């Protein structure tokens, strides 16, 4: 009898815990880097339910690079066509990086902080 009551209590507790974690709302965070005139240059959107960051630019860009800020060592890069791409943040360790987005006219540089499962932050810089 005690074993049956313990089994029922454990089962109910497990179902309650699962229901609370499964029903958590999606958290979406948007970070914007602007040109000196205030117009949006690049936007990074992170979703708590996705392993990707969505990178979009006001201008078409042909590649982006993610560098270690201390020694500018290339950590991740990709070629691109258009104004939008997705970056797999699971390929990056948690930490701060320099993101460079290359367009035909300029390079947009932002410092970003990757925290898988947490937040992404950036500091605005235009070169």
N, C-alpha and C. Protein backbone atom coordinates (compact mmCIF):
# COMPACT_ATOMS: atom_id res chain seq x y z
N UNK A 1 0.83 -1.19 0.00
CA UNK A 1 0.00 0.00 0.00
C UNK A 1 0.87 1.26 0.00
N UNK A 2 1.91 1.29 0.88
CA UNK A 2 2.79 2.45 0.92
C UNK A 2 3.51 2.62 -0.41
N UNK A 3 3.92 1.49 -0.99
CA UNK A 3 4.62 1.57 -2.28
C UNK A 3 3.70 2.13 -3.36
N UNK A 4 2.43 1.76 -3.35
CA UNK A 4 1.48 2.26 -4.34
C UNK A 4 1.27 3.77 -4.18
N UNK A 5 1.15 4.23 -2.95
CA UNK A 5 0.96 5.66 -2.70
C UNK A 5 2.20 6.44 -3.13
N UNK A 6 3.39 5.92 -2.80
CA UNK A 6 4.62 6.58 -3.21
C UNK A 6 4.75 6.62 -4.74
N UNK A 7 4.38 5.53 -5.40
CA UNK A 7 4.44 5.49 -6.86
C UNK A 7 3.49 6.50 -7.48
N UNK A 8 2.28 6.62 -6.95
CA UNK A 8 1.31 7.59 -7.46
C UNK A 8 1.81 9.02 -7.22
N UNK A 9 2.32 9.29 -6.03
CA UNK A 9 2.84 10.62 -5.71
C UNK A 9 4.01 10.99 -6.63
N UNK A 10 4.92 10.06 -6.84
CA UNK A 10 6.07 10.30 -7.71
C UNK A 10 5.62 10.55 -9.14
N UNK A 11 4.65 9.78 -9.62
CA UNK A 11 4.14 9.95 -10.98
C UNK A 11 3.50 11.32 -11.15
N UNK A 12 2.67 11.74 -10.18
CA UNK A 12 2.03 13.06 -10.26
C UNK A 12 3.06 14.18 -10.22
N UNK A 13 4.07 14.05 -9.38
CA UNK A 13 5.13 15.05 -9.29
C UNK A 13 5.89 15.15 -10.60
N UNK A 14 6.19 14.02 -11.20
CA UNK A 14 6.91 13.99 -12.48
C UNK A 14 6.10 14.66 -13.58
N UNK A 15 4.80 14.36 -13.65
CA UNK A 15 3.95 14.96 -14.67
C UNK A 15 3.82 16.46 -14.48
N UNK A 16 3.72 16.92 -13.24
CA UNK A 16 3.62 18.35 -12.96
C UNK A 16 4.90 19.06 -13.37
N UNK A 17 6.06 18.51 -13.05
CA UNK A 17 7.34 19.10 -13.42
C UNK A 17 7.49 19.15 -14.93
N UNK A 18 7.15 18.09 -15.64
CA UNK A 18 7.23 18.04 -17.09
C UNK A 18 6.32 19.09 -17.71
N UNK A 19 5.11 19.22 -17.21
CA UNK A 19 4.16 20.17 -17.77
C UNK A 19 4.64 21.59 -17.60
N UNK A 20 5.29 21.91 -16.49
CA UNK A 20 5.79 23.26 -16.27
C UNK A 20 6.93 23.60 -17.22
N UNK A 21 7.85 22.65 -17.48
CA UNK A 21 8.97 22.95 -18.36
C UNK A 21 8.54 22.92 -19.82
N UNK A 22 7.59 22.09 -20.20
CA UNK A 22 7.17 21.98 -21.59
C UNK A 22 6.35 23.19 -22.04
N UNK A 23 5.66 23.85 -21.12
CA UNK A 23 4.77 24.94 -21.48
C UNK A 23 5.40 26.32 -21.31
N UNK A 24 6.71 26.40 -21.10
CA UNK A 24 7.34 27.71 -20.95
C UNK A 24 7.27 28.45 -22.27
N UNK A 25 6.92 29.73 -22.23
CA UNK A 25 6.80 30.49 -23.47
C UNK A 25 8.17 30.74 -24.11
N UNK A 26 8.13 30.92 -25.41
CA UNK A 26 9.35 31.22 -26.15
C UNK A 26 9.80 32.64 -25.82
N UNK A 27 11.10 32.81 -25.53
CA UNK A 27 11.66 34.12 -25.26
C UNK A 27 12.43 34.56 -26.51
N UNK A 28 12.04 35.69 -27.08
CA UNK A 28 12.70 36.21 -28.26
C UNK A 28 13.39 37.52 -27.88
N UNK A 29 14.68 37.62 -28.20
CA UNK A 29 15.47 38.82 -27.90
C UNK A 29 15.99 39.39 -29.21
N UNK A 30 15.87 40.70 -29.37
CA UNK A 30 16.31 41.37 -30.59
C UNK A 30 17.36 42.41 -30.24
N UNK A 31 18.48 42.38 -30.96
CA UNK A 31 19.56 43.33 -30.79
C UNK A 31 19.80 44.05 -32.10
N UNK A 32 19.98 45.36 -32.05
CA UNK A 32 20.10 46.17 -33.25
C UNK A 32 21.39 46.97 -33.20
N UNK A 33 22.16 46.94 -34.31
CA UNK A 33 23.32 47.80 -34.49
C UNK A 33 22.92 48.86 -35.50
N UNK A 34 23.21 50.12 -35.19
CA UNK A 34 22.76 51.20 -36.05
C UNK A 34 23.93 51.93 -36.70
N UNK A 35 23.62 52.57 -37.83
CA UNK A 35 24.56 53.48 -38.47
C UNK A 35 24.61 54.76 -37.63
N UNK A 36 25.63 55.60 -37.84
CA UNK A 36 25.70 56.86 -37.09
C UNK A 36 24.46 57.74 -37.26
N UNK A 37 23.75 57.62 -38.38
CA UNK A 37 22.55 58.43 -38.58
C UNK A 37 21.31 57.85 -37.89
N UNK A 38 21.47 56.70 -37.21
CA UNK A 38 20.37 56.10 -36.45
C UNK A 38 19.62 55.00 -37.18
N UNK A 39 19.87 54.82 -38.47
CA UNK A 39 19.20 53.75 -39.21
C UNK A 39 19.78 52.40 -38.82
N UNK A 40 18.93 51.37 -38.89
CA UNK A 40 19.38 50.02 -38.55
C UNK A 40 20.40 49.52 -39.57
N UNK A 41 21.53 49.00 -39.08
CA UNK A 41 22.55 48.41 -39.95
C UNK A 41 22.37 46.89 -39.97
N UNK A 42 22.44 46.28 -38.79
CA UNK A 42 22.19 44.84 -38.67
C UNK A 42 21.30 44.58 -37.47
N UNK A 43 20.60 43.47 -37.54
CA UNK A 43 19.73 43.04 -36.45
C UNK A 43 20.02 41.57 -36.17
N UNK A 44 20.13 41.22 -34.89
CA UNK A 44 20.32 39.84 -34.48
C UNK A 44 19.10 39.46 -33.63
N UNK A 45 18.44 38.37 -34.02
CA UNK A 45 17.27 37.90 -33.27
C UNK A 45 17.58 36.51 -32.74
N UNK A 46 17.38 36.35 -31.44
CA UNK A 46 17.61 35.06 -30.79
C UNK A 46 16.31 34.57 -30.17
N UNK A 47 16.03 33.30 -30.36
CA UNK A 47 14.87 32.66 -29.77
C UNK A 47 15.35 31.61 -28.77
N UNK A 48 14.72 31.57 -27.61
CA UNK A 48 15.11 30.60 -26.59
C UNK A 48 14.84 29.16 -27.03
N UNK A 49 13.99 28.97 -28.03
CA UNK A 49 13.66 27.63 -28.50
C UNK A 49 14.41 27.25 -29.78
N UNK A 50 15.44 28.04 -30.14
CA UNK A 50 16.18 27.76 -31.36
C UNK A 50 17.67 27.74 -31.07
N UNK A 51 18.40 26.91 -31.81
CA UNK A 51 19.86 26.88 -31.71
C UNK A 51 20.51 27.87 -32.67
N UNK A 52 19.70 28.65 -33.39
CA UNK A 52 20.22 29.58 -34.38
C UNK A 52 19.96 31.02 -33.99
N UNK A 53 20.87 31.88 -34.40
CA UNK A 53 20.67 33.31 -34.35
C UNK A 53 20.29 33.74 -35.76
N UNK A 54 19.33 34.63 -35.89
CA UNK A 54 18.96 35.15 -37.21
C UNK A 54 19.63 36.50 -37.37
N UNK A 55 20.49 36.61 -38.38
CA UNK A 55 21.22 37.84 -38.68
C UNK A 55 20.62 38.46 -39.92
N UNK A 56 20.23 39.71 -39.84
CA UNK A 56 19.72 40.41 -41.02
C UNK A 56 20.38 41.78 -41.11
N UNK A 57 20.54 42.25 -42.34
CA UNK A 57 21.25 43.49 -42.61
C UNK A 57 20.39 44.40 -43.48
N UNK A 58 20.59 45.70 -43.34
CA UNK A 58 19.89 46.65 -44.19
C UNK A 58 20.39 46.54 -45.63
N UNK A 59 21.63 46.14 -45.80
CA UNK A 59 22.26 45.98 -47.12
C UNK A 59 22.54 44.50 -47.36
N UNK A 60 22.59 44.09 -48.64
CA UNK A 60 23.05 42.73 -48.95
C UNK A 60 24.46 42.56 -48.42
N UNK A 61 24.74 41.41 -47.81
CA UNK A 61 26.11 41.14 -47.37
C UNK A 61 26.57 39.82 -47.95
N UNK A 62 27.86 39.76 -48.24
CA UNK A 62 28.39 38.57 -48.92
C UNK A 62 29.09 37.61 -47.98
N UNK A 63 29.40 38.02 -46.75
CA UNK A 63 29.95 37.09 -45.77
C UNK A 63 29.89 37.71 -44.38
N UNK A 64 30.02 36.84 -43.38
CA UNK A 64 30.20 37.30 -42.01
C UNK A 64 31.32 36.48 -41.39
N UNK A 65 31.96 37.05 -40.39
CA UNK A 65 33.02 36.37 -39.65
C UNK A 65 32.78 36.57 -38.16
N UNK A 66 33.11 35.54 -37.39
CA UNK A 66 33.07 35.63 -35.93
C UNK A 66 34.49 35.39 -35.45
N UNK A 67 35.03 36.36 -34.72
CA UNK A 67 36.44 36.36 -34.31
C UNK A 67 36.56 36.40 -32.79
N UNK A 68 37.66 35.84 -32.28
CA UNK A 68 38.01 36.03 -30.87
C UNK A 68 38.43 37.48 -30.72
N UNK A 69 37.92 38.23 -29.75
CA UNK A 69 38.27 39.65 -29.66
C UNK A 69 39.72 39.89 -29.22
N UNK A 70 40.29 39.00 -28.45
CA UNK A 70 41.64 39.24 -27.92
C UNK A 70 42.71 39.16 -29.01
N UNK A 71 42.61 38.14 -29.88
CA UNK A 71 43.66 37.94 -30.88
C UNK A 71 43.13 37.98 -32.32
N UNK A 72 41.86 38.27 -32.50
CA UNK A 72 41.21 38.34 -33.81
C UNK A 72 41.32 37.04 -34.60
N UNK A 73 41.42 35.92 -33.90
CA UNK A 73 41.46 34.60 -34.53
C UNK A 73 40.06 34.25 -35.03
N UNK A 74 39.98 33.79 -36.29
CA UNK A 74 38.71 33.42 -36.89
C UNK A 74 38.15 32.16 -36.22
N UNK A 75 36.93 32.25 -35.72
CA UNK A 75 36.28 31.13 -35.04
C UNK A 75 35.24 30.48 -35.94
N UNK A 76 34.49 31.30 -36.68
CA UNK A 76 33.42 30.80 -37.54
C UNK A 76 33.17 31.83 -38.62
N UNK A 77 32.84 31.37 -39.82
CA UNK A 77 32.50 32.28 -40.91
C UNK A 77 31.59 31.58 -41.91
N UNK A 78 30.98 32.38 -42.75
CA UNK A 78 30.14 31.81 -43.79
C UNK A 78 29.94 32.85 -44.89
N UNK A 79 29.85 32.37 -46.11
CA UNK A 79 29.48 33.24 -47.22
C UNK A 79 27.97 33.40 -47.22
N UNK A 80 27.50 34.46 -47.87
CA UNK A 80 26.08 34.73 -47.84
C UNK A 80 25.68 35.46 -49.12
N UNK A 81 24.44 35.31 -49.51
CA UNK A 81 23.82 36.09 -50.59
C UNK A 81 22.54 36.65 -50.03
N UNK A 82 22.40 37.93 -50.10
CA UNK A 82 21.17 38.55 -49.60
C UNK A 82 21.37 39.29 -48.30
N UNK A 83 20.27 39.49 -47.61
CA UNK A 83 20.26 40.31 -46.41
C UNK A 83 20.06 39.51 -45.13
N UNK A 84 19.83 38.19 -45.22
CA UNK A 84 19.49 37.39 -44.04
C UNK A 84 20.28 36.09 -44.04
N UNK A 85 20.68 35.64 -42.84
CA UNK A 85 21.25 34.30 -42.68
C UNK A 85 21.01 33.85 -41.24
N UNK A 86 21.24 32.57 -41.01
CA UNK A 86 21.14 32.02 -39.66
C UNK A 86 22.51 31.51 -39.24
N UNK A 87 22.84 31.73 -37.97
CA UNK A 87 24.12 31.29 -37.41
C UNK A 87 23.82 30.25 -36.35
N UNK A 88 24.44 29.07 -36.49
CA UNK A 88 24.27 27.99 -35.51
C UNK A 88 25.10 28.33 -34.28
N UNK A 89 24.43 28.78 -33.23
CA UNK A 89 25.17 29.21 -32.03
C UNK A 89 25.72 28.05 -31.22
N UNK A 90 25.29 26.81 -31.51
CA UNK A 90 25.84 25.66 -30.79
C UNK A 90 27.26 25.34 -31.23
N UNK A 91 27.69 25.90 -32.37
CA UNK A 91 29.06 25.71 -32.84
C UNK A 91 30.04 26.62 -32.11
N UNK A 92 29.52 27.53 -31.30
CA UNK A 92 30.35 28.49 -30.58
C UNK A 92 30.27 28.23 -29.09
N UNK A 93 31.40 28.34 -28.43
CA UNK A 93 31.42 28.23 -26.98
C UNK A 93 30.87 29.53 -26.40
N UNK A 94 30.35 29.44 -25.18
CA UNK A 94 29.88 30.65 -24.51
C UNK A 94 31.04 31.64 -24.39
N UNK A 95 30.77 32.90 -24.64
CA UNK A 95 31.79 33.92 -24.52
C UNK A 95 31.51 35.10 -25.43
N UNK A 96 32.44 36.05 -25.42
CA UNK A 96 32.31 37.26 -26.21
C UNK A 96 33.13 37.13 -27.49
N UNK A 97 32.55 37.57 -28.59
CA UNK A 97 33.18 37.49 -29.90
C UNK A 97 32.99 38.81 -30.64
N UNK A 98 33.77 38.99 -31.69
CA UNK A 98 33.58 40.11 -32.61
C UNK A 98 32.91 39.57 -33.86
N UNK A 99 31.79 40.16 -34.24
CA UNK A 99 31.06 39.79 -35.44
C UNK A 99 31.32 40.85 -36.50
N UNK A 100 31.76 40.42 -37.69
CA UNK A 100 31.97 41.34 -38.81
C UNK A 100 31.06 40.91 -39.95
N UNK A 101 30.30 41.86 -40.47
CA UNK A 101 29.40 41.63 -41.58
C UNK A 101 29.91 42.48 -42.74
N UNK A 102 30.19 41.81 -43.88
CA UNK A 102 30.80 42.47 -45.04
C UNK A 102 29.76 42.74 -46.12
N UNK A 103 29.57 44.01 -46.46
CA UNK A 103 28.75 44.40 -47.60
C UNK A 103 29.69 44.92 -48.69
N UNK A 104 29.14 45.28 -49.83
CA UNK A 104 29.99 45.79 -50.91
C UNK A 104 30.57 47.17 -50.59
N UNK A 105 29.96 47.91 -49.66
CA UNK A 105 30.40 49.27 -49.36
C UNK A 105 31.08 49.44 -48.00
N UNK A 106 30.83 48.56 -47.05
CA UNK A 106 31.36 48.77 -45.71
C UNK A 106 31.39 47.46 -44.93
N UNK A 107 32.03 47.53 -43.75
CA UNK A 107 32.08 46.41 -42.81
C UNK A 107 31.41 46.87 -41.52
N UNK A 108 30.42 46.10 -41.07
CA UNK A 108 29.74 46.39 -39.81
C UNK A 108 30.35 45.49 -38.75
N UNK A 109 30.80 46.06 -37.66
CA UNK A 109 31.45 45.30 -36.60
C UNK A 109 30.66 45.43 -35.31
N UNK A 110 30.37 44.31 -34.68
CA UNK A 110 29.67 44.30 -33.39
C UNK A 110 30.32 43.29 -32.47
N UNK A 111 30.40 43.61 -31.20
CA UNK A 111 30.81 42.64 -30.19
C UNK A 111 29.56 41.93 -29.72
N UNK A 112 29.58 40.59 -29.75
CA UNK A 112 28.42 39.82 -29.33
C UNK A 112 28.85 38.86 -28.22
N UNK A 113 27.92 38.54 -27.36
CA UNK A 113 28.15 37.57 -26.31
C UNK A 113 27.25 36.37 -26.58
N UNK A 114 27.88 35.22 -26.77
CA UNK A 114 27.14 33.98 -27.01
C UNK A 114 26.98 33.26 -25.68
N UNK A 115 25.76 32.93 -25.37
CA UNK A 115 25.47 32.16 -24.18
C UNK A 115 24.38 31.18 -24.57
N UNK A 116 24.77 29.98 -24.94
CA UNK A 116 23.80 28.99 -25.41
C UNK A 116 22.74 28.76 -24.34
N UNK A 117 21.51 29.04 -24.73
CA UNK A 117 20.40 28.90 -23.80
C UNK A 117 20.15 30.14 -22.98
N UNK A 118 20.98 31.15 -23.15
CA UNK A 118 20.82 32.38 -22.37
C UNK A 118 20.54 33.56 -23.29
N UNK A 119 21.40 34.60 -23.28
CA UNK A 119 21.18 35.82 -24.03
C UNK A 119 22.34 36.10 -24.97
N UNK A 120 22.08 36.93 -25.96
CA UNK A 120 23.10 37.45 -26.86
C UNK A 120 23.06 38.96 -26.74
N UNK A 121 24.21 39.57 -26.51
CA UNK A 121 24.29 41.02 -26.42
C UNK A 121 25.28 41.53 -27.42
N UNK A 122 25.12 42.77 -27.84
CA UNK A 122 26.04 43.34 -28.79
C UNK A 122 26.28 44.81 -28.48
N UNK A 123 27.43 45.29 -28.93
CA UNK A 123 27.80 46.68 -28.79
C UNK A 123 27.95 47.24 -30.19
N UNK A 124 27.43 48.42 -30.45
CA UNK A 124 27.40 48.98 -31.79
C UNK A 124 28.73 49.61 -32.18
N UNK A 125 29.24 49.25 -33.36
CA UNK A 125 30.43 49.86 -33.95
C UNK A 125 30.31 49.76 -35.45
N UNK A 126 30.60 50.84 -36.15
CA UNK A 126 30.61 50.84 -37.61
C UNK A 126 32.00 51.21 -38.07
N UNK A 127 32.59 50.40 -38.97
CA UNK A 127 33.90 50.72 -39.57
C UNK A 127 33.72 51.13 -40.99
